[in-house]
């Protein structure tokens, strides 16, 4: 069996999670508007991790994206652009 680039990325990500340490206290210091986007099919970090991140970040907006795993999938890019555009409009007082 040959490992693919995606398999290698998964192993790197799995190693990065424990190496990054406990960050909840750091999240409480974020003052910027923050969308927390998490896939409902994420097999590396359970979707409850996204909700916990949003709960620990003041004013964060949690968005669970149906069908998305841990990595960005082409099918969700339009939704992420929409979420980002809405964030900019609401925080910068922009107009449509």
PDB file of N, CA and C in Angstrom:
ATOM      1  N   UNK A   1       0.847  -1.176   0.000  1.00  0.00           N
ATOM      2  CA  UNK A   1       0.000   0.000   0.000  1.00  0.00           C
ATOM      3  C   UNK A   1       0.899   1.249   0.000  1.00  0.00           C
ATOM      4  N   UNK A   2       0.615   2.174  -0.872  1.00  0.00           N
ATOM      5  CA  UNK A   2       1.390   3.392  -0.994  1.00  0.00           C
ATOM      6  C   UNK A   2       0.651   4.556  -0.343  1.00  0.00           C
ATOM      7  N   UNK A   3       1.356   5.331   0.469  1.00  0.00           N
ATOM      8  CA  UNK A   3       0.748   6.498   1.116  1.00  0.00           C
ATOM      9  C   UNK A   3       0.609   7.624   0.103  1.00  0.00           C
ATOM     10  N   UNK A   4      -0.505   8.311   0.172  1.00  0.00           N
ATOM     11  CA  UNK A   4      -0.732   9.464  -0.692  1.00  0.00           C
ATOM     12  C   UNK A   4      -0.345  10.732   0.056  1.00  0.00           C
ATOM     13  N   UNK A   5      -0.322  11.854  -0.672  1.00  0.00           N
ATOM     14  CA  UNK A   5      -0.041  13.149  -0.027  1.00  0.00           C
ATOM     15  C   UNK A   5      -1.098  13.447   1.028  1.00  0.00           C
ATOM     16  N   UNK A   6      -2.340  13.069   0.747  1.00  0.00           N
ATOM     17  CA  UNK A   6      -3.417  13.315   1.716  1.00  0.00           C
ATOM     18  C   UNK A   6      -3.180  12.488   2.982  1.00  0.00           C
ATOM     19  N   UNK A   7      -2.705  11.243   2.822  1.00  0.00           N
ATOM     20  CA  UNK A   7      -2.392  10.422   3.996  1.00  0.00           C
ATOM     21  C   UNK A   7      -1.293  11.069   4.826  1.00  0.00           C
ATOM     22  N   UNK A   8      -0.270  11.585   4.164  1.00  0.00           N
ATOM     23  CA  UNK A   8       0.830  12.257   4.859  1.00  0.00           C
ATOM     24  C   UNK A   8       0.315  13.474   5.610  1.00  0.00           C
ATOM     25  N   UNK A   9      -0.564  14.264   4.985  1.00  0.00           N
ATOM     26  CA  UNK A   9      -1.149  15.426   5.651  1.00  0.00           C
ATOM     27  C   UNK A   9      -1.894  15.019   6.908  1.00  0.00           C
ATOM     28  N   UNK A  10      -2.605  13.916   6.858  1.00  0.00           N
ATOM     29  CA  UNK A  10      -3.356  13.453   8.034  1.00  0.00           C
ATOM     30  C   UNK A  10      -2.412  13.141   9.184  1.00  0.00           C
ATOM     31  N   UNK A  11      -1.308  12.463   8.880  1.00  0.00           N
ATOM     32  CA  UNK A  11      -0.356  12.119   9.932  1.00  0.00           C
ATOM     33  C   UNK A  11       0.277  13.372  10.528  1.00  0.00           C
ATOM     34  N   UNK A  12       0.605  14.332   9.697  1.00  0.00           N
ATOM     35  CA  UNK A  12       1.174  15.594  10.187  1.00  0.00           C
ATOM     36  C   UNK A  12       0.161  16.292  11.085  1.00  0.00           C
ATOM     37  N   UNK A  13      -1.096  16.364  10.639  1.00  0.00           N
ATOM     38  CA  UNK A  13      -2.139  17.005  11.443  1.00  0.00           C
ATOM     39  C   UNK A  13      -2.332  16.291  12.775  1.00  0.00           C
ATOM     40  N   UNK A  14      -2.344  14.983  12.764  1.00  0.00           N
ATOM     41  CA  UNK A  14      -2.532  14.241  14.006  1.00  0.00           C
ATOM     42  C   UNK A  14      -1.395  14.508  14.990  1.00  0.00           C
ATOM     43  N   UNK A  15      -0.189  14.690  14.484  1.00  0.00           N
ATOM     44  CA  UNK A  15       0.932  15.005  15.360  1.00  0.00           C
ATOM     45  C   UNK A  15       0.886  16.427  15.872  1.00  0.00           C
ATOM     46  N   UNK A  16       0.319  17.327  15.069  1.00  0.00           N
ATOM     47  CA  UNK A  16       0.265  18.737  15.451  1.00  0.00           C
ATOM     48  C   UNK A  16      -0.741  18.998  16.560  1.00  0.00           C
ATOM     49  N   UNK A  17      -1.778  18.208  16.620  1.00  0.00           N
ATOM     50  CA  UNK A  17      -2.835  18.448  17.612  1.00  0.00           C
ATOM     51  C   UNK A  17      -2.291  18.374  19.042  1.00  0.00           C
ATOM     52  N   UNK A  18      -1.674  17.274  19.449  1.00  0.00           N
ATOM     53  CA  UNK A  18      -1.149  17.262  20.826  1.00  0.00           C
ATOM     54  C   UNK A  18       0.057  18.185  21.016  1.00  0.00           C
ATOM     55  N   UNK A  19       0.824  18.393  19.960  1.00  0.00           N
ATOM     56  CA  UNK A  19       2.018  19.238  20.072  1.00  0.00           C
ATOM     57  C   UNK A  19       1.656  20.704  20.294  1.00  0.00           C
ATOM     58  N   UNK A  20       0.459  21.101  19.869  1.00  0.00           N
ATOM     59  CA  UNK A  20       0.076  22.507  20.005  1.00  0.00           C
ATOM     60  C   UNK A  20      -0.322  22.867  21.428  1.00  0.00           C
ATOM     61  N   UNK A  21      -0.571  21.871  22.253  1.00  0.00           N
ATOM     62  CA  UNK A  21      -0.891  22.137  23.648  1.00  0.00           C
ATOM     63  C   UNK A  21      -2.315  22.621  23.864  1.00  0.00           C
ATOM     64  N   UNK A  22      -2.592  22.950  25.100  1.00  0.00           N
ATOM     65  CA  UNK A  22      -3.920  23.379  25.521  1.00  0.00           C
ATOM     66  C   UNK A  22      -4.071  24.873  25.228  1.00  0.00           C
ATOM     67  N   UNK A  23      -5.018  25.235  24.381  1.00  0.00           N
ATOM     68  CA  UNK A  23      -5.119  26.626  23.925  1.00  0.00           C
ATOM     69  C   UNK A  23      -6.389  27.347  24.355  1.00  0.00           C
ATOM     70  N   UNK A  24      -7.203  26.747  25.165  1.00  0.00           N
ATOM     71  CA  UNK A  24      -8.482  27.360  25.520  1.00  0.00           C
ATOM     72  C   UNK A  24      -8.304  28.734  26.153  1.00  0.00           C
ATOM     73  N   UNK A  25      -7.359  28.877  27.050  1.00  0.00           N
ATOM     74  CA  UNK A  25      -7.137  30.181  27.693  1.00  0.00           C
ATOM     75  C   UNK A  25      -6.737  31.235  26.663  1.00  0.00           C
ATOM     76  N   UNK A  26      -5.961  30.847  25.673  1.00  0.00           N
ATOM     77  CA  UNK A  26      -5.562  31.784  24.616  1.00  0.00           C
ATOM     78  C   UNK A  26      -6.767  32.253  23.803  1.00  0.00           C
ATOM     79  N   UNK A  27      -7.720  31.374  23.582  1.00  0.00           N
ATOM     80  CA  UNK A  27      -8.901  31.738  22.799  1.00  0.00           C
ATOM     81  C   UNK A  27      -9.691  32.860  23.464  1.00  0.00           C
ATOM     82  N   UNK A  28      -9.687  32.899  24.766  1.00  0.00           N
ATOM     83  CA  UNK A  28     -10.436  33.923  25.505  1.00  0.00           C
ATOM     84  C   UNK A  28      -9.885  35.325  25.264  1.00  0.00           C
ATOM     85  N   UNK A  29      -8.656  35.412  24.755  1.00  0.00           N
ATOM     86  CA  UNK A  29      -8.046  36.720  24.509  1.00  0.00           C
ATOM     87  C   UNK A  29      -8.327  37.263  23.111  1.00  0.00           C
ATOM     88  N   UNK A  30      -8.964  36.483  22.275  1.00  0.00           N
ATOM     89  CA  UNK A  30      -9.265  36.929  20.910  1.00  0.00           C
ATOM     90  C   UNK A  30     -10.337  38.011  20.955  1.00  0.00           C
ATOM     91  N   UNK A  31     -10.078  39.110  20.284  1.00  0.00           N
ATOM     92  CA  UNK A  31     -11.051  40.208  20.260  1.00  0.00           C
ATOM     93  C   UNK A  31     -11.641  40.430  18.872  1.00  0.00           C
ATOM     94  N   UNK A  32     -11.097  39.802  17.882  1.00  0.00           N
ATOM     95  CA  UNK A  32     -11.600  39.949  16.508  1.00  0.00           C
ATOM     96  C   UNK A  32     -12.831  39.072  16.294  1.00  0.00           C
ATOM     97  N   UNK A  33     -13.748  39.516  15.446  1.00  0.00           N
ATOM     98  CA  UNK A  33     -14.885  38.657  15.095  1.00  0.00           C
ATOM     99  C   UNK A  33     -14.335  37.342  14.518  1.00  0.00           C
ATOM    100  N   UNK A  34     -14.843  36.238  15.014  1.00  0.00           N
ATOM    101  CA  UNK A  34     -14.257  34.949  14.664  1.00  0.00           C
ATOM    102  C   UNK A  34     -15.303  33.924  14.264  1.00  0.00           C
ATOM    103  N   UNK A  35     -15.281  33.499  13.009  1.00  0.00           N
ATOM    104  CA  UNK A  35     -16.125  32.365  12.643  1.00  0.00           C
ATOM    105  C   UNK A  35     -15.352  31.075  12.928  1.00  0.00           C
ATOM    106  N   UNK A  36     -16.002  30.119  13.538  1.00  0.00           N
ATOM    107  CA  UNK A  36     -15.394  28.810  13.769  1.00  0.00           C
ATOM    108  C   UNK A  36     -16.150  27.839  12.875  1.00  0.00           C
ATOM    109  N   UNK A  37     -15.503  27.404  11.814  1.00  0.00           N
ATOM    110  CA  UNK A  37     -16.132  26.527  10.831  1.00  0.00           C
ATOM    111  C   UNK A  37     -15.591  25.124  11.041  1.00  0.00           C
ATOM    112  N   UNK A  38     -16.506  24.188  11.236  1.00  0.00           N
ATOM    113  CA  UNK A  38     -16.098  22.810  11.514  1.00  0.00           C
ATOM    114  C   UNK A  38     -16.974  21.875  10.701  1.00  0.00           C
ATOM    115  N   UNK A  39     -16.357  20.862  10.119  1.00  0.00           N
ATOM    116  CA  UNK A  39     -17.107  19.887   9.339  1.00  0.00           C
ATOM    117  C   UNK A  39     -17.782  18.845  10.207  1.00  0.00           C
ATOM    118  N   UNK A  40     -18.994  18.475   9.830  1.00  0.00           N
ATOM    119  CA  UNK A  40     -19.702  17.455  10.603  1.00  0.00           C
ATOM    120  C   UNK A  40     -19.159  16.048  10.338  1.00  0.00           C
ATOM    121  N   UNK A  41     -18.263  15.926   9.358  1.00  0.00           N
ATOM    122  CA  UNK A  41     -17.652  14.629   9.052  1.00  0.00           C
ATOM    123  C   UNK A  41     -16.154  14.611   9.364  1.00  0.00           C
ATOM    124  N   UNK A  42     -15.730  15.498  10.227  1.00  0.00           N
ATOM    125  CA  UNK A  42     -14.317  15.573  10.613  1.00  0.00           C
ATOM    126  C   UNK A  42     -13.979  14.352  11.460  1.00  0.00           C
ATOM    127  N   UNK A  43     -13.059  13.540  10.963  1.00  0.00           N
ATOM    128  CA  UNK A  43     -12.659  12.335  11.683  1.00  0.00           C
ATOM    129  C   UNK A  43     -11.423  12.557  12.550  1.00  0.00           C
ATOM    130  N   UNK A  44     -10.811  13.735  12.425  1.00  0.00           N
ATOM    131  CA  UNK A  44      -9.601  14.014  13.201  1.00  0.00           C
ATOM    132  C   UNK A  44      -9.907  14.787  14.483  1.00  0.00           C
ATOM    133  N   UNK A  45     -10.818  15.741  14.385  1.00  0.00           N
ATOM    134  CA  UNK A  45     -11.255  16.504  15.554  1.00  0.00           C
ATOM    135  C   UNK A  45     -12.779  16.430  15.552  1.00  0.00           C
ATOM    136  N   UNK A  46     -13.332  15.814  16.556  1.00  0.00           N
ATOM    137  CA  UNK A  46     -14.788  15.643  16.614  1.00  0.00           C
ATOM    138  C   UNK A  46     -15.474  17.006  16.526  1.00  0.00           C
ATOM    139  N   UNK A  47     -16.635  17.069  15.873  1.00  0.00           N
ATOM    140  CA  UNK A  47     -17.349  18.345  15.766  1.00  0.00           C
ATOM    141  C   UNK A  47     -17.593  19.057  17.098  1.00  0.00           C
ATOM    142  N   UNK A  48     -17.639  18.340  18.190  1.00  0.00           N
ATOM    143  CA  UNK A  48     -17.788  19.010  19.484  1.00  0.00           C
ATOM    144  C   UNK A  48     -16.579  19.899  19.785  1.00  0.00           C
ATOM    145  N   UNK A  49     -15.432  19.586  19.169  1.00  0.00           N
ATOM    146  CA  UNK A  49     -14.248  20.427  19.331  1.00  0.00           C
ATOM    147  C   UNK A  49     -14.450  21.801  18.723  1.00  0.00           C
ATOM    148  N   UNK A  50     -15.155  21.860  17.608  1.00  0.00           N
ATOM    149  CA  UNK A  50     -15.475  23.148  16.993  1.00  0.00           C
ATOM    150  C   UNK A  50     -16.406  23.963  17.870  1.00  0.00           C
ATOM    151  N   UNK A  51     -17.393  23.295  18.441  1.00  0.00           N
ATOM    152  CA  UNK A  51     -18.319  23.999  19.340  1.00  0.00           C
ATOM    153  C   UNK A  51     -17.591  24.494  20.585  1.00  0.00           C
ATOM    154  N   UNK A  52     -16.690  23.677  21.114  1.00  0.00           N
ATOM    155  CA  UNK A  52     -15.926  24.087  22.303  1.00  0.00           C
ATOM    156  C   UNK A  52     -15.018  25.275  21.979  1.00  0.00           C
ATOM    157  N   UNK A  53     -14.432  25.273  20.794  1.00  0.00           N
ATOM    158  CA  UNK A  53     -13.589  26.399  20.380  1.00  0.00           C
ATOM    159  C   UNK A  53     -14.415  27.676  20.300  1.00  0.00           C
ATOM    160  N   UNK A  54     -15.581  27.586  19.692  1.00  0.00           N
ATOM    161  CA  UNK A  54     -16.453  28.763  19.591  1.00  0.00           C
ATOM    162  C   UNK A  54     -16.905  29.233  20.967  1.00  0.00           C
ATOM    163  N   UNK A  55     -17.238  28.301  21.837  1.00  0.00           N
ATOM    164  CA  UNK A  55     -17.666  28.669  23.198  1.00  0.00           C
ATOM    165  C   UNK A  55     -16.557  29.381  23.967  1.00  0.00           C
ATOM    166  N   UNK A  56     -15.316  29.027  23.693  1.00  0.00           N
ATOM    167  CA  UNK A  56     -14.190  29.611  24.418  1.00  0.00           C
ATOM    168  C   UNK A  56     -13.704  30.924  23.801  1.00  0.00           C
ATOM    169  N   UNK A  57     -14.244  31.281  22.640  1.00  0.00           N
ATOM    170  CA  UNK A  57     -13.820  32.490  21.929  1.00  0.00           C
ATOM    171  C   UNK A  57     -14.921  33.537  22.032  1.00  0.00           C
ATOM    172  N   UNK A  58     -14.677  34.652  22.691  1.00  0.00           N
ATOM    173  CA  UNK A  58     -15.718  35.670  22.869  1.00  0.00           C
ATOM    174  C   UNK A  58     -16.324  36.128  21.540  1.00  0.00           C
ATOM    175  N   UNK A  59     -17.636  36.051  21.465  1.00  0.00           N
ATOM    176  CA  UNK A  59     -18.352  36.534  20.289  1.00  0.00           C
ATOM    177  C   UNK A  59     -18.208  35.684  19.046  1.00  0.00           C
ATOM    178  N   UNK A  60     -17.619  34.515  19.157  1.00  0.00           N
ATOM    179  CA  UNK A  60     -17.421  33.666  17.984  1.00  0.00           C
ATOM    180  C   UNK A  60     -18.752  33.140  17.461  1.00  0.00           C
ATOM    181  N   UNK A  61     -18.769  32.907  16.178  1.00  0.00           N
ATOM    182  CA  UNK A  61     -19.931  32.301  15.532  1.00  0.00           C
ATOM    183  C   UNK A  61     -19.536  30.901  15.091  1.00  0.00           C
ATOM    184  N   UNK A  62     -20.236  29.892  15.613  1.00  0.00           N
ATOM    185  CA  UNK A  62     -19.960  28.505  15.254  1.00  0.00           C
ATOM    186  C   UNK A  62     -20.807  28.108  14.055  1.00  0.00           C
ATOM    187  N   UNK A  63     -20.149  27.541  13.043  1.00  0.00           N
ATOM    188  CA  UNK A  63     -20.844  27.053  11.856  1.00  0.00           C
ATOM    189  C   UNK A  63     -20.381  25.624  11.606  1.00  0.00           C
ATOM    190  N   UNK A  64     -21.304  24.689  11.729  1.00  0.00           N
ATOM    191  CA  UNK A  64     -20.980  23.299  11.416  1.00  0.00           C
ATOM    192  C   UNK A  64     -21.400  23.057   9.974  1.00  0.00           C
ATOM    193  N   UNK A  65     -20.454  22.639   9.142  1.00  0.00           N
ATOM    194  CA  UNK A  65     -20.683  22.511   7.716  1.00  0.00           C
ATOM    195  C   UNK A  65     -20.959  21.061   7.342  1.00  0.00           C
ATOM    196  N   UNK A  66     -22.145  20.826   6.837  1.00  0.00           N
ATOM    197  CA  UNK A  66     -22.563  19.476   6.454  1.00  0.00           C
ATOM    198  C   UNK A  66     -21.691  18.938   5.329  1.00  0.00           C
ATOM    199  N   UNK A  67     -21.225  17.729   5.510  1.00  0.00           N
ATOM    200  CA  UNK A  67     -20.461  17.048   4.481  1.00  0.00           C
ATOM    201  C   UNK A  67     -18.974  17.349   4.471  1.00  0.00           C
ATOM    202  N   UNK A  68     -18.527  18.296   5.294  1.00  0.00           N
ATOM    203  CA  UNK A  68     -17.106  18.650   5.301  1.00  0.00           C
ATOM    204  C   UNK A  68     -16.366  17.827   6.342  1.00  0.00           C
ATOM    205  N   UNK A  69     -15.176  17.380   5.972  1.00  0.00           N
ATOM    206  CA  UNK A  69     -14.308  16.676   6.905  1.00  0.00           C
ATOM    207  C   UNK A  69     -13.338  17.654   7.541  1.00  0.00           C
ATOM    208  N   UNK A  70     -12.109  17.201   7.772  1.00  0.00           N
ATOM    209  CA  UNK A  70     -11.107  18.048   8.434  1.00  0.00           C
ATOM    210  C   UNK A  70     -10.498  19.079   7.486  1.00  0.00           C
ATOM    211  N   UNK A  71     -10.407  18.728   6.227  1.00  0.00           N
ATOM    212  CA  UNK A  71      -9.798  19.617   5.241  1.00  0.00           C
ATOM    213  C   UNK A  71     -10.869  20.266   4.384  1.00  0.00           C
ATOM    214  N   UNK A  72     -10.535  21.396   3.800  1.00  0.00           N
ATOM    215  CA  UNK A  72     -11.485  22.076   2.925  1.00  0.00           C
ATOM    216  C   UNK A  72     -11.752  21.226   1.696  1.00  0.00           C
ATOM    217  N   UNK A  73     -13.003  21.060   1.411  1.00  0.00           N
ATOM    218  CA  UNK A  73     -13.407  20.306   0.225  1.00  0.00           C
ATOM    219  C   UNK A  73     -13.935  21.290  -0.813  1.00  0.00           C
ATOM    220  N   UNK A  74     -13.687  21.030  -2.095  1.00  0.00           N
ATOM    221  CA  UNK A  74     -14.153  21.950  -3.139  1.00  0.00           C
ATOM    222  C   UNK A  74     -15.643  22.276  -3.036  1.00  0.00           C
ATOM    223  N   UNK A  75     -16.441  21.349  -2.576  1.00  0.00           N
ATOM    224  CA  UNK A  75     -17.884  21.565  -2.481  1.00  0.00           C
ATOM    225  C   UNK A  75     -18.311  22.546  -1.410  1.00  0.00           C
ATOM    226  N   UNK A  76     -17.415  22.927  -0.506  1.00  0.00           N
ATOM    227  CA  UNK A  76     -17.791  23.851   0.566  1.00  0.00           C
ATOM    228  C   UNK A  76     -17.153  25.229   0.419  1.00  0.00           C
ATOM    229  N   UNK A  77     -16.341  25.409  -0.594  1.00  0.00           N
ATOM    230  CA  UNK A  77     -15.643  26.679  -0.765  1.00  0.00           C
ATOM    231  C   UNK A  77     -16.625  27.836  -0.912  1.00  0.00           C
ATOM    232  N   UNK A  78     -17.677  27.656  -1.704  1.00  0.00           N
ATOM    233  CA  UNK A  78     -18.663  28.734  -1.870  1.00  0.00           C
ATOM    234  C   UNK A  78     -19.290  29.125  -0.538  1.00  0.00           C
ATOM    235  N   UNK A  79     -19.578  28.149   0.302  1.00  0.00           N
ATOM    236  CA  UNK A  79     -20.165  28.441   1.623  1.00  0.00           C
ATOM    237  C   UNK A  79     -19.166  29.207   2.489  1.00  0.00           C
ATOM    238  N   UNK A  80     -17.904  28.856   2.428  1.00  0.00           N
ATOM    239  CA  UNK A  80     -16.895  29.563   3.216  1.00  0.00           C
ATOM    240  C   UNK A  80     -16.712  30.993   2.730  1.00  0.00           C
ATOM    241  N   UNK A  81     -16.785  31.195   1.436  1.00  0.00           N
ATOM    242  CA  UNK A  81     -16.712  32.557   0.886  1.00  0.00           C
ATOM    243  C   UNK A  81     -17.912  33.356   1.372  1.00  0.00           C
ATOM    244  N   UNK A  82     -19.080  32.750   1.371  1.00  0.00           N
ATOM    245  CA  UNK A  82     -20.290  33.424   1.848  1.00  0.00           C
ATOM    246  C   UNK A  82     -20.164  33.811   3.323  1.00  0.00           C
ATOM    247  N   UNK A  83     -19.681  32.895   4.151  1.00  0.00           N
ATOM    248  CA  UNK A  83     -19.508  33.181   5.579  1.00  0.00           C
ATOM    249  C   UNK A  83     -18.501  34.306   5.796  1.00  0.00           C
ATOM    250  N   UNK A  84     -17.412  34.276   5.056  1.00  0.00           N
ATOM    251  CA  UNK A  84     -16.392  35.314   5.187  1.00  0.00           C
ATOM    252  C   UNK A  84     -16.918  36.668   4.730  1.00  0.00           C
ATOM    253  N   UNK A  85     -17.639  36.676   3.634  1.00  0.00           N
ATOM    254  CA  UNK A  85     -18.217  37.921   3.114  1.00  0.00           C
ATOM    255  C   UNK A  85     -19.217  38.496   4.110  1.00  0.00           C
ATOM    256  N   UNK A  86     -20.060  37.653   4.676  1.00  0.00           N
ATOM    257  CA  UNK A  86     -21.024  38.118   5.680  1.00  0.00           C
ATOM    258  C   UNK A  86     -20.319  38.690   6.902  1.00  0.00           C
ATOM    259  N   UNK A  87     -19.225  38.050   7.319  1.00  0.00           N
ATOM    260  CA  UNK A  87     -18.465  38.543   8.472  1.00  0.00           C
ATOM    261  C   UNK A  87     -17.909  39.932   8.192  1.00  0.00           C
ATOM    262  N   UNK A  88     -17.341  40.120   7.022  1.00  0.00           N
ATOM    263  CA  UNK A  88     -16.787  41.430   6.667  1.00  0.00           C
ATOM    264  C   UNK A  88     -17.886  42.481   6.620  1.00  0.00           C
ATOM    265  N   UNK A  89     -18.998  42.132   6.026  1.00  0.00           N
ATOM    266  CA  UNK A  89     -20.110  43.105   5.935  1.00  0.00           C
ATOM    267  C   UNK A  89     -20.629  43.501   7.299  1.00  0.00           C
ATOM    268  N   UNK A  90     -20.773  42.555   8.182  1.00  0.00           N
ATOM    269  CA  UNK A  90     -21.352  42.861   9.491  1.00  0.00           C
ATOM    270  C   UNK A  90     -20.372  43.561  10.417  1.00  0.00           C
ATOM    271  N   UNK A  91     -19.088  43.297  10.272  1.00  0.00           N
ATOM    272  CA  UNK A  91     -18.134  43.918  11.177  1.00  0.00           C
ATOM    273  C   UNK A  91     -17.589  45.240  10.655  1.00  0.00           C
ATOM    274  N   UNK A  92     -17.613  45.425   9.347  1.00  0.00           N
ATOM    275  CA  UNK A  92     -17.066  46.657   8.770  1.00  0.00           C
ATOM    276  C   UNK A  92     -18.157  47.622   8.360  1.00  0.00           C
ATOM    277  N   UNK A  93     -19.418  47.226   8.584  1.00  0.00           N
ATOM    278  CA  UNK A  93     -20.526  48.105   8.202  1.00  0.00           C
ATOM    279  C   UNK A  93     -20.645  48.245   6.698  1.00  0.00           C
ATOM    280  N   UNK A  94     -20.157  47.242   5.958  1.00  0.00           N
ATOM    281  CA  UNK A  94     -20.207  47.285   4.497  1.00  0.00           C
ATOM    282  C   UNK A  94     -21.619  47.170   3.974  1.00  0.00           C
ATOM    283  N   UNK A  95     -21.766  47.451   2.729  1.00  0.00           N
ATOM    284  CA  UNK A  95     -23.059  47.337   2.076  1.00  0.00           C
ATOM    285  C   UNK A  95     -22.973  46.318   0.964  1.00  0.00           C
ATOM    286  N   UNK A  96     -24.104  45.844   0.551  1.00  0.00           N
ATOM    287  CA  UNK A  96     -24.147  44.846  -0.522  1.00  0.00           C
ATOM    288  C   UNK A  96     -24.053  45.458  -1.864  1.00  0.00           C
TER     289      UNK A  96
END
